[in-house]
Amino acid sequence: MKIESIPIKKETEQNFKKLMDMVRPDDSLLLIMHGSPDPDAIASAMALREIIERTKGLDKCAFVSTEPLVRQQNIEFVFAMHLHIHLINQMDLSAYRLIAILDAQPSFFRDELKAIKPLIVFDHHPREDQWQADWEDIRPNYGALSSILTEYLLCARVKIPRNLHTALLYGIKTDTGNFDRDTIFEDISAYSYHTKYANMQLIRHIELNQTPDRFLKYYDHAYHHMNSFRGRRICYLGNIESADVCVQVADFYLRLIGTYYVVVAGIVGDRFIITFRGDGYRQNCGAIAQRAFGALGKGGGHRSAARMEIPLDILKERLGSDLSQSNVDRFLFKNLKRHHRANNAKHEYHKNDTGKEKL
């Protein structure tokens, strides 16, 4: 089926019908986002709310996240969309019949949230661990979940408000890194469709407000402690106020000439956060993250972006409670070196097996 020049996959049509069969008239919907939600997760949640509200009606609906918003751009984005995002520990989950997880999977959540039993899961990250939901749509080939939800909106044949066009376009824009990261034709089609209706001036205003003054100390720390070798840059920032610090520092350093991937780590509360950013060409960030740190924590990603979370207790156990700059640096190097050895061994196996390297 083709609507408004966007190809809609059979998979989307079939899943949409199943989704509608699950929803009752005037239902209650809880939209759960993991961590401090980004524009792609927020826009996708907005889209799912719009679909259900316009097709079946909603008695009540709430947006929730496991962490508060930290990034200034995301705070401004949520304010512009007139949304209120609750913290999950402040919500009575039993008051909602439909529980939907967006841009995440049940396995992403920490142990204290394992009690969450979602009916609906939307995600575009590779499937992780064993879990079940009544209904799911997981498509890791898409660059943005907003592109998938665009197809669902068009299947529902509902009028899309301008603010939702704006949100979905911004979600695609940020999650694909302006199409520098993992992107497929469907992402480009959805983006092009939304450009006809979105408030581009609002998006430009939000994008100009990126880094708060208090983050400058982290850039200074990275300047003095960043380790570089053969196009790779690795840095431990110590205690930081949010995971977004790692993201912003990693994004910045990826722009330096001769850099093809960056690993930035920091401690947030009781978690050790490791952020990966790459050019998506020479290395697969998601694979690096899983091979280097998957046995210690949770996370994942794509070729050009990934994130791992390791419980601080596990890190302290590994490092004998010594979280000094030099000791954590050694921990990062050791695990990343193990990944490279495994990757090189795999390359050598292909080379020996076929007589030439398999790229």
Protein backbone atom coordinates (compact mmCIF):
# COMPACT_ATOMS: atom_id res chain seq x y z
CA MET A 1 0.00 0.00 0.00
CA LYS A 2 1.19 3.54 -0.76
CA ILE A 3 -0.13 6.59 1.08
CA GLU A 4 1.01 10.17 0.40
CA SER A 5 4.00 8.83 -1.58
CA ILE A 6 5.29 6.79 1.40
CA PRO A 7 5.50 3.02 0.89
CA ILE A 8 3.76 1.19 3.73
CA LYS A 9 5.07 -2.32 4.30
CA LYS A 10 2.73 -5.29 4.55
CA GLU A 11 4.29 -5.91 7.94
CA THR A 12 3.05 -2.53 9.13
CA GLU A 13 -0.46 -3.08 7.79
CA GLN A 14 -0.75 -6.48 9.47
CA ASN A 15 0.70 -5.27 12.76
CA PHE A 16 -1.59 -2.25 12.77
CA LYS A 17 -4.66 -4.48 12.49
CA LYS A 18 -3.44 -6.64 15.37
CA LEU A 19 -2.73 -3.55 17.45
CA MET A 20 -6.23 -2.20 16.86
CA ASP A 21 -7.70 -5.54 17.90
CA MET A 22 -5.96 -5.18 21.27
CA VAL A 23 -7.27 -1.70 22.02
CA ARG A 24 -10.66 -1.17 23.64
CA PRO A 25 -12.85 1.91 23.21
CA ASP A 26 -11.87 4.68 25.66
CA ASP A 27 -8.92 2.69 26.93
CA SER A 28 -6.17 3.78 29.36
CA LEU A 29 -2.60 4.03 28.04
CA LEU A 30 0.76 4.33 29.78
CA LEU A 31 3.66 5.25 27.49
CA ILE A 32 6.99 4.19 29.03
CA MET A 33 10.38 5.46 27.85
CA HIS A 34 13.71 4.23 29.19
CA GLY A 35 16.26 6.60 30.69
CA SER A 36 16.12 10.32 29.98
CA PRO A 37 14.02 10.13 26.80
CA ASP A 38 15.27 11.51 23.52
CA PRO A 39 13.18 13.15 20.76
CA ASP A 40 12.75 9.86 18.86
CA ALA A 41 11.23 8.11 21.88
CA ILE A 42 9.04 11.11 22.78
CA ALA A 43 7.79 11.63 19.21
CA SER A 44 7.00 7.93 18.86
CA ALA A 45 5.04 7.97 22.12
CA MET A 46 3.13 11.02 20.88
CA ALA A 47 2.32 9.18 17.66
CA LEU A 48 1.02 6.07 19.42
CA ARG A 49 -1.17 8.22 21.64
CA GLU A 50 -2.55 10.02 18.57
CA ILE A 51 -3.32 6.75 16.78
CA ILE A 52 -5.22 5.20 19.68
CA GLU A 53 -6.96 8.42 20.67
CA ARG A 54 -8.22 9.10 17.14
CA THR A 55 -9.23 5.53 16.32
CA LYS A 56 -10.60 4.11 19.59
CA GLY A 57 -10.55 6.98 22.06
CA LEU A 58 -8.65 7.28 25.33
CA ASP A 59 -10.05 7.75 28.80
CA LYS A 60 -6.60 8.64 30.12
CA CYS A 61 -2.99 8.59 28.97
CA ALA A 62 0.35 9.38 30.60
CA PHE A 63 3.95 9.74 29.42
CA VAL A 64 6.55 8.31 31.83
CA SER A 65 10.30 7.83 31.87
CA THR A 66 12.74 6.11 34.20
CA GLU A 67 14.89 9.25 34.47
CA PRO A 68 14.15 12.99 34.31
CA LEU A 69 14.96 15.05 31.25
CA VAL A 70 18.45 16.50 31.40
CA ARG A 71 19.50 17.62 27.94
CA GLN A 72 18.51 21.22 27.35
CA GLN A 73 17.35 20.55 23.79
CA ASN A 74 15.01 17.81 24.99
CA ILE A 75 13.62 19.99 27.77
CA GLU A 76 12.82 22.71 25.25
CA PHE A 77 11.37 20.16 22.86
CA VAL A 78 8.98 18.74 25.48
CA PHE A 79 7.96 22.25 26.54
CA ALA A 80 7.23 23.17 22.91
CA MET A 81 5.11 20.02 22.50
CA HIS A 82 3.11 20.91 25.67
CA LEU A 83 3.92 17.56 27.27
CA HIS A 84 4.42 16.50 30.85
CA ILE A 85 6.60 13.44 31.38
CA HIS A 86 6.21 11.76 34.78
CA LEU A 87 8.87 9.71 36.53
CA ILE A 88 7.89 6.07 36.63
CA ASN A 89 8.35 5.71 40.39
CA GLN A 90 5.67 8.36 40.86
CA MET A 91 3.06 6.49 38.84
CA ASP A 92 0.54 3.78 39.72
CA LEU A 93 1.10 1.38 36.83
CA SER A 94 -1.94 -0.68 37.79
CA ALA A 95 -4.19 2.26 36.91
CA TYR A 96 -3.51 1.72 33.18
CA ARG A 97 -4.63 -1.27 31.12
CA LEU A 98 -2.40 -0.69 28.10
CA ILE A 99 1.29 -0.43 28.96
CA ALA A 100 3.50 0.40 25.99
CA ILE A 101 7.30 0.56 25.91
CA LEU A 102 8.76 2.73 23.17
CA ASP A 103 12.34 2.93 21.87
CA ALA A 104 13.35 0.26 24.40
CA GLN A 105 12.68 -3.33 25.43
CA PRO A 106 11.74 -4.90 28.78
CA SER A 107 15.30 -6.22 29.15
CA PHE A 108 16.66 -2.64 29.12
CA PHE A 109 15.08 -1.90 32.48
CA ARG A 110 16.82 -2.34 35.79
CA ASP A 111 15.94 -5.11 38.23
CA GLU A 112 13.53 -3.03 40.29
CA LEU A 113 11.43 -2.42 37.17
CA LYS A 114 11.29 -6.03 36.03
CA ALA A 115 7.70 -6.11 37.32
CA ILE A 116 6.63 -4.10 34.27
CA LYS A 117 4.61 -6.36 31.96
CA PRO A 118 4.08 -4.42 28.74
CA LEU A 119 1.32 -5.30 26.32
CA ILE A 120 2.97 -3.30 23.53
CA VAL A 121 6.65 -2.91 22.59
CA PHE A 122 7.93 -0.66 19.80
CA ASP A 123 11.67 -0.49 19.18
CA HIS A 124 14.34 -0.18 16.50
CA HIS A 125 17.27 -1.57 18.52
CA PRO A 126 18.40 -5.17 18.04
CA ARG A 127 16.41 -7.58 20.20
CA GLU A 128 18.13 -8.24 23.53
CA ASP A 129 17.68 -11.16 25.91
CA GLN A 130 14.49 -13.17 26.43
CA TRP A 131 11.23 -11.36 27.08
CA GLN A 132 7.60 -11.50 26.00
CA ALA A 133 4.88 -9.01 25.22
CA ASP A 134 1.37 -9.48 23.85
CA TRP A 135 2.30 -7.37 20.82
CA GLU A 136 5.66 -6.16 19.50
CA ASP A 137 7.26 -4.50 16.51
CA ILE A 138 11.07 -4.60 16.58
CA ARG A 139 12.88 -3.35 13.45
CA PRO A 140 16.61 -2.76 14.01
CA ASN A 141 17.22 -1.85 10.38
CA TYR A 142 15.37 1.47 10.80
CA GLY A 143 17.39 4.51 11.77
CA ALA A 144 14.57 5.98 13.84
CA LEU A 145 11.48 4.63 15.56
CA SER A 146 9.68 7.79 14.43
CA SER A 147 9.86 6.47 10.86
CA ILE A 148 8.04 3.29 11.88
CA LEU A 149 5.35 5.22 13.77
CA THR A 150 4.89 7.45 10.71
CA GLU A 151 3.82 4.36 8.77
CA TYR A 152 1.36 3.44 11.53
CA LEU A 153 -0.15 6.94 11.50
CA LEU A 154 -0.71 6.72 7.77
CA CYS A 155 -2.23 3.24 8.14
CA ALA A 156 -4.63 4.70 10.71
CA ARG A 157 -5.61 7.42 8.22
CA VAL A 158 -5.80 10.06 10.92
CA LYS A 159 -5.08 13.74 10.42
CA ILE A 160 -1.62 14.39 11.81
CA PRO A 161 -1.36 17.67 13.78
CA ARG A 162 1.47 20.04 12.91
CA ASN A 163 3.18 19.58 16.27
CA LEU A 164 3.29 15.80 15.68
CA HIS A 165 4.76 16.30 12.19
CA THR A 166 7.38 18.50 13.85
CA ALA A 167 8.09 15.97 16.61
CA LEU A 168 8.47 13.01 14.24
CA LEU A 169 10.72 14.93 11.86
CA TYR A 170 12.89 16.00 14.81
CA GLY A 171 12.95 12.43 16.09
CA ILE A 172 14.19 11.13 12.73
CA LYS A 173 16.67 13.99 12.43
CA THR A 174 18.27 13.39 15.82
CA ASP A 175 18.32 9.59 15.84
CA THR A 176 19.91 9.37 12.40
CA GLY A 177 22.32 12.22 13.17
CA ASN A 178 21.03 14.14 10.16
CA PHE A 179 21.34 10.89 8.19
CA ASP A 180 25.01 10.42 9.07
CA ARG A 181 24.11 7.30 11.09
CA ASP A 182 22.21 4.12 10.25
CA THR A 183 19.51 5.10 7.78
CA ILE A 184 17.29 3.32 5.29
CA PHE A 185 14.98 4.50 2.53
CA GLU A 186 11.96 4.47 4.86
CA ASP A 187 13.65 6.98 7.18
CA ILE A 188 14.32 9.34 4.28
CA SER A 189 10.75 8.97 2.96
CA ALA A 190 9.21 9.70 6.36
CA TYR A 191 11.49 12.69 6.87
CA SER A 192 10.63 14.11 3.43
CA TYR A 193 6.93 13.65 4.13
CA HIS A 194 7.07 15.55 7.43
CA THR A 195 9.08 18.46 5.99
CA LYS A 196 5.94 19.60 4.15
CA TYR A 197 4.09 20.20 7.42
CA ALA A 198 6.62 20.54 10.26
CA ASN A 199 7.58 23.76 12.02
CA MET A 200 11.18 23.96 10.84
CA GLN A 201 11.79 27.28 12.60
CA LEU A 202 10.96 25.67 15.94
CA ILE A 203 13.38 22.81 15.27
CA ARG A 204 16.16 25.27 14.40
CA HIS A 205 15.49 27.20 17.61
CA ILE A 206 15.73 24.00 19.68
CA GLU A 207 18.92 22.84 17.93
CA LEU A 208 20.72 26.13 18.66
CA ASN A 209 20.31 25.56 22.40
CA GLN A 210 22.55 22.56 22.98
CA THR A 211 25.09 22.78 25.77
CA PRO A 212 24.60 24.33 29.23
CA ASP A 213 27.55 26.29 30.69
CA ARG A 214 28.04 23.74 33.48
CA PHE A 215 28.98 21.06 30.89
CA LEU A 216 32.12 22.96 29.88
CA LYS A 217 34.09 21.40 32.75
CA TYR A 218 33.53 17.97 31.20
CA TYR A 219 34.91 19.10 27.85
CA ASP A 220 37.92 20.49 29.71
CA HIS A 221 38.39 17.18 31.53
CA ALA A 222 38.17 15.27 28.25
CA TYR A 223 40.74 17.61 26.67
CA HIS A 224 43.27 16.76 29.38
CA HIS A 225 42.48 13.04 29.76
CA MET A 226 41.38 11.81 26.33
CA ASN A 227 43.49 8.86 25.16
CA SER A 228 43.96 8.55 21.40
CA PHE A 229 45.40 5.81 19.23
CA ARG A 230 44.88 4.89 15.59
CA GLY A 231 41.71 6.90 15.14
CA ARG A 232 40.14 5.74 18.41
CA ARG A 233 39.53 8.08 21.34
CA ILE A 234 38.70 6.87 24.86
CA CYS A 235 37.97 8.94 27.96
CA TYR A 236 36.67 8.44 31.50
CA LEU A 237 35.00 11.57 32.90
CA GLY A 238 34.56 10.45 36.52
CA ASN A 239 31.31 11.37 38.29
CA ILE A 240 28.92 13.18 35.97
CA GLU A 241 25.45 14.61 36.39
CA SER A 242 23.78 12.68 33.58
CA ALA A 243 24.43 10.20 30.77
CA ASP A 244 23.90 13.04 28.31
CA VAL A 245 27.31 14.42 29.29
CA CYS A 246 28.93 11.34 27.71
CA VAL A 247 26.80 11.74 24.59
CA GLN A 248 27.68 15.39 24.05
CA VAL A 249 31.41 14.90 24.67
CA ALA A 250 31.52 11.83 22.40
CA ASP A 251 29.63 13.60 19.61
CA PHE A 252 32.05 16.52 19.81
CA TYR A 253 35.21 14.42 19.68
CA LEU A 254 33.92 12.31 16.79
CA ARG A 255 34.17 15.47 14.67
CA LEU A 256 37.95 15.71 15.11
CA ILE A 257 39.98 14.89 12.03
CA GLY A 258 41.26 11.33 11.88
CA THR A 259 38.76 9.99 14.43
CA TYR A 260 36.53 7.07 13.54
CA TYR A 261 35.16 6.07 16.92
CA VAL A 262 34.92 7.52 20.43
CA VAL A 263 34.23 5.86 23.79
CA VAL A 264 33.29 8.16 26.69
CA ALA A 265 32.42 6.81 30.15
CA GLY A 266 31.21 8.27 33.43
CA ILE A 267 29.47 7.43 36.68
CA VAL A 268 25.85 8.50 37.14
CA GLY A 269 24.46 7.56 40.53
CA ASP A 270 24.85 3.79 40.90
CA ARG A 271 25.63 3.14 37.23
CA PHE A 272 28.73 3.22 35.04
CA ILE A 273 27.67 4.61 31.66
CA ILE A 274 29.71 3.94 28.51
CA THR A 275 28.76 5.82 25.34
CA PHE A 276 30.04 4.82 21.90
CA ARG A 277 30.02 7.01 18.81
CA GLY A 278 31.51 6.07 15.45
CA ASP A 279 31.56 6.92 11.78
CA GLY A 280 29.53 3.78 11.04
CA TYR A 281 32.07 2.73 8.43
CA ARG A 282 35.14 1.10 9.96
CA GLN A 283 33.63 -0.18 13.21
CA ASN A 284 30.26 -1.34 14.49
CA CYS A 285 29.65 0.46 17.80
CA GLY A 286 26.84 -1.88 18.82
CA ALA A 287 29.04 -4.93 18.29
CA ILE A 288 31.97 -3.33 20.13
CA ALA A 289 29.75 -2.49 23.10
CA GLN A 290 28.34 -6.01 23.37
CA ARG A 291 31.64 -7.85 22.93
CA ALA A 292 33.62 -5.59 25.25
CA PHE A 293 31.10 -5.04 28.06
CA GLY A 294 28.02 -7.18 27.40
CA ALA A 295 28.98 -9.71 30.08
CA LEU A 296 29.01 -6.97 32.72
CA GLY A 297 25.98 -4.84 31.92
CA LYS A 298 23.04 -4.02 29.67
CA GLY A 299 22.76 -2.00 26.51
CA GLY A 300 23.24 -2.07 22.80
CA GLY A 301 23.04 0.09 19.72
CA HIS A 302 23.78 0.34 16.02
CA ARG A 303 26.88 0.71 13.83
CA SER A 304 27.40 4.37 14.68
CA ALA A 305 25.99 4.70 18.20
CA ALA A 306 25.69 2.51 21.29
CA ARG A 307 25.45 2.65 25.07
CA MET A 308 26.21 0.23 27.89
CA GLU A 309 25.23 0.47 31.56
CA ILE A 310 27.17 -1.46 34.19
CA PRO A 311 25.99 -1.50 37.83
CA LEU A 312 28.52 0.42 39.90
CA ASP A 313 28.81 -2.47 42.37
CA ILE A 314 30.02 -4.75 39.58
CA LEU A 315 32.56 -2.16 38.43
CA LYS A 316 33.87 -1.71 41.99
CA GLU A 317 34.16 -5.46 42.38
CA ARG A 318 36.20 -5.69 39.18
CA LEU A 319 38.43 -2.76 40.14
CA GLY A 320 38.81 -3.40 43.87
CA SER A 321 36.82 -0.20 44.58
CA ASP A 322 39.59 1.86 42.94
CA LEU A 323 37.75 4.23 40.60
CA SER A 324 40.72 6.46 39.91
CA GLN A 325 41.26 7.87 36.43
CA SER A 326 44.16 5.53 35.68
CA ASN A 327 42.43 2.39 36.95
CA VAL A 328 39.18 2.96 35.06
CA ASP A 329 41.18 3.87 31.96
CA ARG A 330 42.96 0.49 32.21
CA PHE A 331 39.61 -1.26 32.62
CA LEU A 332 38.25 0.38 29.46
CA PHE A 333 41.43 -0.37 27.48
CA LYS A 334 41.55 -3.99 28.63
CA ASN A 335 37.96 -4.75 27.64
CA LEU A 336 38.15 -2.89 24.35
CA LYS A 337 41.43 -4.63 23.54
CA ARG A 338 39.73 -7.97 24.17
CA HIS A 339 37.08 -7.01 21.63
CA HIS A 340 39.73 -6.11 19.05
CA ARG A 341 41.54 -9.40 19.59
CA ALA A 342 38.28 -11.29 19.08
CA ASN A 343 37.49 -9.21 16.01
CA ASN A 344 40.95 -9.76 14.54
CA ALA A 345 40.70 -13.50 15.21
CA LYS A 346 37.39 -13.55 13.37
CA HIS A 347 38.99 -11.69 10.46
CA GLU A 348 41.88 -14.16 10.40
CA TYR A 349 39.45 -17.09 10.43
CA HIS A 350 37.64 -15.72 7.39
CA LYS A 351 40.94 -15.06 5.70
CA ASN A 352 42.24 -18.60 6.30
CA ASP A 353 38.91 -20.18 5.42
CA THR A 354 38.43 -18.45 2.09
CA GLY A 355 41.94 -17.51 1.07
CA LYS A 356 41.13 -13.81 1.27
CA GLU A 357 39.70 -11.41 3.82
CA LYS A 358 35.95 -11.22 4.03
CA LEU A 359 34.95 -7.59 4.56
